[in-house]
Amino acid sequence: MRDELAGKASRDLLRDTSVGLRVDAGNPSLKEVEKAAAALCAEEDHAGWVRLPDSTLSDYLSGRRDVLPDWRFIHTFVVVCHRLAIANGLDPEPLRDLKATFGALWKAAKHKEKGSLTVITPLPYRQYDILEPTI
């Protein structure tokens, strides 16, 4: 039971961080994310990318789908949100940092899903975040 709760907490953290990433990208519609993912798949000849149907995204981001997505889904979502943020004139975190953050969250959730213990490193904060450390 304890492992199930830890796994759910890890999946919830990944999902909540995904929701935040979409907001940071300018809160594009799910259709926009779907179209950008399709364009990425076509551009890169499906080299590790997956399509992101808006219905699947809606289920994932709303928590109706309480299953850990595979890494290709998360990776595609991160890259698409990064591209959309740039297209919307926003200044997103470097893609390398986003991939590292989401990779660590996904791996932690995957390990929790399997019942093994994993230490989750804290997410980096951004200046003026509500949880920014004060000195």
C-alpha atoms as a PDB file:
ATOM      1  CA  MET A   1       0.000   0.000   0.000  1.00  0.00           C
ATOM      2  CA  ARG A   2       2.811   2.379   0.885  1.00  0.00           C
ATOM      3  CA  ASP A   3       4.541   1.784  -2.484  1.00  0.00           C
ATOM      4  CA  GLU A   4       1.262   2.442  -4.300  1.00  0.00           C
ATOM      5  CA  LEU A   5       0.914   5.806  -2.515  1.00  0.00           C
ATOM      6  CA  ALA A   6       4.516   6.721  -3.280  1.00  0.00           C
ATOM      7  CA  GLY A   7       4.001   5.799  -6.932  1.00  0.00           C
ATOM      8  CA  LYS A   8       0.837   7.895  -7.133  1.00  0.00           C
ATOM      9  CA  ALA A   9       2.580  10.857  -5.489  1.00  0.00           C
ATOM     10  CA  SER A  10       5.425  10.612  -8.014  1.00  0.00           C
ATOM     11  CA  ARG A  11       2.981  10.442 -10.944  1.00  0.00           C
ATOM     12  CA  ASP A  12       1.036  13.388  -9.523  1.00  0.00           C
ATOM     13  CA  LEU A  13       4.211  15.465  -9.211  1.00  0.00           C
ATOM     14  CA  LEU A  14       5.131  14.686 -12.816  1.00  0.00           C
ATOM     15  CA  ARG A  15       1.623  15.570 -13.977  1.00  0.00           C
ATOM     16  CA  ASP A  16       1.498  18.805 -11.953  1.00  0.00           C
ATOM     17  CA  THR A  17       4.875  19.829 -13.359  1.00  0.00           C
ATOM     18  CA  SER A  18       3.579  19.053 -16.863  1.00  0.00           C
ATOM     19  CA  VAL A  19       0.566  21.304 -16.265  1.00  0.00           C
ATOM     20  CA  GLY A  20       2.938  24.059 -15.144  1.00  0.00           C
ATOM     21  CA  LEU A  21       5.076  23.606 -18.242  1.00  0.00           C
ATOM     22  CA  ARG A  22       2.042  24.069 -20.469  1.00  0.00           C
ATOM     23  CA  VAL A  23       1.150  27.264 -18.607  1.00  0.00           C
ATOM     24  CA  ASP A  24       4.752  28.471 -18.966  1.00  0.00           C
ATOM     25  CA  ALA A  25       4.428  27.866 -22.734  1.00  0.00           C
ATOM     26  CA  GLY A  26       1.614  30.425 -22.906  1.00  0.00           C
ATOM     27  CA  ASN A  27      -1.160  27.950 -22.051  1.00  0.00           C
ATOM     28  CA  PRO A  28      -1.643  26.705 -25.618  1.00  0.00           C
ATOM     29  CA  SER A  29      -4.817  24.775 -26.371  1.00  0.00           C
ATOM     30  CA  LEU A  30      -4.572  21.016 -26.435  1.00  0.00           C
ATOM     31  CA  LYS A  31      -5.251  21.149 -30.181  1.00  0.00           C
ATOM     32  CA  GLU A  32      -2.216  23.438 -30.600  1.00  0.00           C
ATOM     33  CA  VAL A  33      -0.061  20.992 -28.642  1.00  0.00           C
ATOM     34  CA  GLU A  34      -1.407  18.107 -30.738  1.00  0.00           C
ATOM     35  CA  LYS A  35      -0.618  19.945 -34.005  1.00  0.00           C
ATOM     36  CA  ALA A  36       2.871  20.924 -32.829  1.00  0.00           C
ATOM     37  CA  ALA A  37       3.590  17.301 -31.870  1.00  0.00           C
ATOM     38  CA  ALA A  38       2.379  16.091 -35.271  1.00  0.00           C
ATOM     39  CA  ALA A  39       4.669  18.634 -36.941  1.00  0.00           C
ATOM     40  CA  LEU A  40       7.574  17.444 -34.787  1.00  0.00           C
ATOM     41  CA  CYS A  41       6.888  13.833 -35.749  1.00  0.00           C
ATOM     42  CA  ALA A  42       6.836  14.746 -39.443  1.00  0.00           C
ATOM     43  CA  GLU A  43       9.930  16.925 -39.182  1.00  0.00           C
ATOM     44  CA  GLU A  44      12.025  14.368 -37.346  1.00  0.00           C
ATOM     45  CA  ASP A  45      10.757  11.219 -39.101  1.00  0.00           C
ATOM     46  CA  HIS A  46       9.349   9.860 -35.829  1.00  0.00           C
ATOM     47  CA  ALA A  47      12.824   9.654 -34.293  1.00  0.00           C
ATOM     48  CA  GLY A  48      11.611   8.882 -30.786  1.00  0.00           C
ATOM     49  CA  TRP A  49       8.651  11.263 -30.952  1.00  0.00           C
ATOM     50  CA  VAL A  50       4.993  10.356 -30.529  1.00  0.00           C
ATOM     51  CA  ARG A  51       1.773  12.037 -31.507  1.00  0.00           C
ATOM     52  CA  LEU A  52      -0.083  13.692 -28.646  1.00  0.00           C
ATOM     53  CA  PRO A  53      -3.839  13.402 -29.275  1.00  0.00           C
ATOM     54  CA  ASP A  54      -5.714  16.173 -27.479  1.00  0.00           C
ATOM     55  CA  SER A  55      -8.010  13.643 -25.775  1.00  0.00           C
ATOM     56  CA  THR A  56      -5.034  11.746 -24.345  1.00  0.00           C
ATOM     57  CA  LEU A  57      -3.411  15.011 -23.238  1.00  0.00           C
ATOM     58  CA  SER A  58      -6.656  16.096 -21.591  1.00  0.00           C
ATOM     59  CA  ASP A  59      -6.943  12.808 -19.699  1.00  0.00           C
ATOM     60  CA  TYR A  60      -3.303  12.979 -18.599  1.00  0.00           C
ATOM     61  CA  LEU A  61      -3.199  16.644 -17.565  1.00  0.00           C
ATOM     62  CA  SER A  62      -6.538  16.492 -15.738  1.00  0.00           C
ATOM     63  CA  GLY A  63      -5.584  13.361 -13.797  1.00  0.00           C
ATOM     64  CA  ARG A  64      -8.358  11.245 -15.301  1.00  0.00           C
ATOM     65  CA  ARG A  65      -5.646   8.921 -16.594  1.00  0.00           C
ATOM     66  CA  ASP A  66      -3.692   7.749 -13.564  1.00  0.00           C
ATOM     67  CA  VAL A  67      -1.141   5.760 -15.514  1.00  0.00           C
ATOM     68  CA  LEU A  68       2.468   6.763 -15.970  1.00  0.00           C
ATOM     69  CA  PRO A  69       2.975   7.701 -19.635  1.00  0.00           C
ATOM     70  CA  ASP A  70       5.997   6.315 -21.401  1.00  0.00           C
ATOM     71  CA  TRP A  71       9.108   8.465 -21.728  1.00  0.00           C
ATOM     72  CA  ARG A  72       8.511   9.251 -25.409  1.00  0.00           C
ATOM     73  CA  PHE A  73       5.166  10.866 -24.512  1.00  0.00           C
ATOM     74  CA  ILE A  74       6.754  13.040 -21.802  1.00  0.00           C
ATOM     75  CA  HIS A  75       9.798  13.867 -23.950  1.00  0.00           C
ATOM     76  CA  THR A  76       7.624  14.919 -26.893  1.00  0.00           C
ATOM     77  CA  PHE A  77       5.415  17.012 -24.604  1.00  0.00           C
ATOM     78  CA  VAL A  78       8.428  18.821 -23.110  1.00  0.00           C
ATOM     79  CA  VAL A  79       9.961  19.609 -26.510  1.00  0.00           C
ATOM     80  CA  VAL A  80       6.612  20.762 -27.932  1.00  0.00           C
ATOM     81  CA  CYS A  81       5.918  23.041 -24.953  1.00  0.00           C
ATOM     82  CA  HIS A  82       9.418  24.504 -25.233  1.00  0.00           C
ATOM     83  CA  ARG A  83       8.885  25.247 -28.923  1.00  0.00           C
ATOM     84  CA  LEU A  84       5.451  26.757 -28.269  1.00  0.00           C
ATOM     85  CA  ALA A  85       6.858  28.986 -25.526  1.00  0.00           C
ATOM     86  CA  ILE A  86       9.432  30.357 -27.966  1.00  0.00           C
ATOM     87  CA  ALA A  87       6.758  30.789 -30.656  1.00  0.00           C
ATOM     88  CA  ASN A  88       4.637  32.707 -28.126  1.00  0.00           C
ATOM     89  CA  GLY A  89       7.502  35.110 -27.439  1.00  0.00           C
ATOM     90  CA  LEU A  90       8.232  33.726 -23.994  1.00  0.00           C
ATOM     91  CA  ASP A  91      11.636  32.978 -22.521  1.00  0.00           C
ATOM     92  CA  PRO A  92      11.477  29.315 -21.450  1.00  0.00           C
ATOM     93  CA  GLU A  93      14.061  27.465 -19.432  1.00  0.00           C
ATOM     94  CA  PRO A  94      16.773  25.913 -21.584  1.00  0.00           C
ATOM     95  CA  LEU A  95      15.534  22.700 -23.179  1.00  0.00           C
ATOM     96  CA  ARG A  96      18.456  20.777 -21.685  1.00  0.00           C
ATOM     97  CA  ASP A  97      17.321  21.780 -18.163  1.00  0.00           C
ATOM     98  CA  LEU A  98      13.687  20.904 -18.871  1.00  0.00           C
ATOM     99  CA  LYS A  99      14.670  17.489 -20.193  1.00  0.00           C
ATOM    100  CA  ALA A 100      16.805  16.860 -17.101  1.00  0.00           C
ATOM    101  CA  THR A 101      14.002  17.889 -14.732  1.00  0.00           C
ATOM    102  CA  PHE A 102      11.331  15.849 -16.482  1.00  0.00           C
ATOM    103  CA  GLY A 103      13.693  12.910 -16.942  1.00  0.00           C
ATOM    104  CA  ALA A 104      14.382  12.820 -13.200  1.00  0.00           C
ATOM    105  CA  LEU A 105      10.668  13.076 -12.367  1.00  0.00           C
ATOM    106  CA  TRP A 106       9.730  10.368 -14.853  1.00  0.00           C
ATOM    107  CA  LYS A 107      12.475   8.014 -13.625  1.00  0.00           C
ATOM    108  CA  ALA A 108      11.416   8.530 -10.012  1.00  0.00           C
ATOM    109  CA  ALA A 109       7.795   7.773 -10.899  1.00  0.00           C
ATOM    110  CA  LYS A 110       8.871   4.706 -12.880  1.00  0.00           C
ATOM    111  CA  HIS A 111      10.956   3.394  -9.974  1.00  0.00           C
ATOM    112  CA  LYS A 112       8.104   4.015  -7.529  1.00  0.00           C
ATOM    113  CA  GLU A 113       5.770   2.194  -9.904  1.00  0.00           C
ATOM    114  CA  LYS A 114       8.077  -0.823  -9.698  1.00  0.00           C
ATOM    115  CA  GLY A 115       8.230  -0.567  -5.896  1.00  0.00           C
ATOM    116  CA  SER A 116      11.877   0.394  -5.552  1.00  0.00           C
ATOM    117  CA  LEU A 117      13.057   3.336  -3.499  1.00  0.00           C
ATOM    118  CA  THR A 118      14.364   6.407  -5.264  1.00  0.00           C
ATOM    119  CA  VAL A 119      15.421   9.783  -3.960  1.00  0.00           C
ATOM    120  CA  ILE A 120      13.826  12.691  -5.807  1.00  0.00           C
ATOM    121  CA  THR A 121      16.054  15.719  -6.048  1.00  0.00           C
ATOM    122  CA  PRO A 122      14.258  19.013  -5.528  1.00  0.00           C
ATOM    123  CA  LEU A 123      13.209  20.904  -8.611  1.00  0.00           C
ATOM    124  CA  PRO A 124      15.201  24.028  -9.386  1.00  0.00           C
ATOM    125  CA  TYR A 125      13.397  27.236  -8.550  1.00  0.00           C
ATOM    126  CA  ARG A 126      13.146  30.267 -10.747  1.00  0.00           C
ATOM    127  CA  GLN A 127      13.637  33.802  -9.529  1.00  0.00           C
ATOM    128  CA  TYR A 128      10.412  35.164  -8.040  1.00  0.00           C
ATOM    129  CA  ASP A 129       8.844  31.724  -7.707  1.00  0.00           C
ATOM    130  CA  ILE A 130       6.513  31.531  -4.767  1.00  0.00           C
ATOM    131  CA  LEU A 131       8.866  28.980  -3.209  1.00  0.00           C
ATOM    132  CA  GLU A 132      12.012  30.964  -3.906  1.00  0.00           C
ATOM    133  CA  PRO A 133      14.377  30.757  -0.929  1.00  0.00           C
ATOM    134  CA  THR A 134      14.735  34.019   0.942  1.00  0.00           C
ATOM    135  CA  ILE A 135      17.866  35.120   2.673  1.00  0.00           C
END
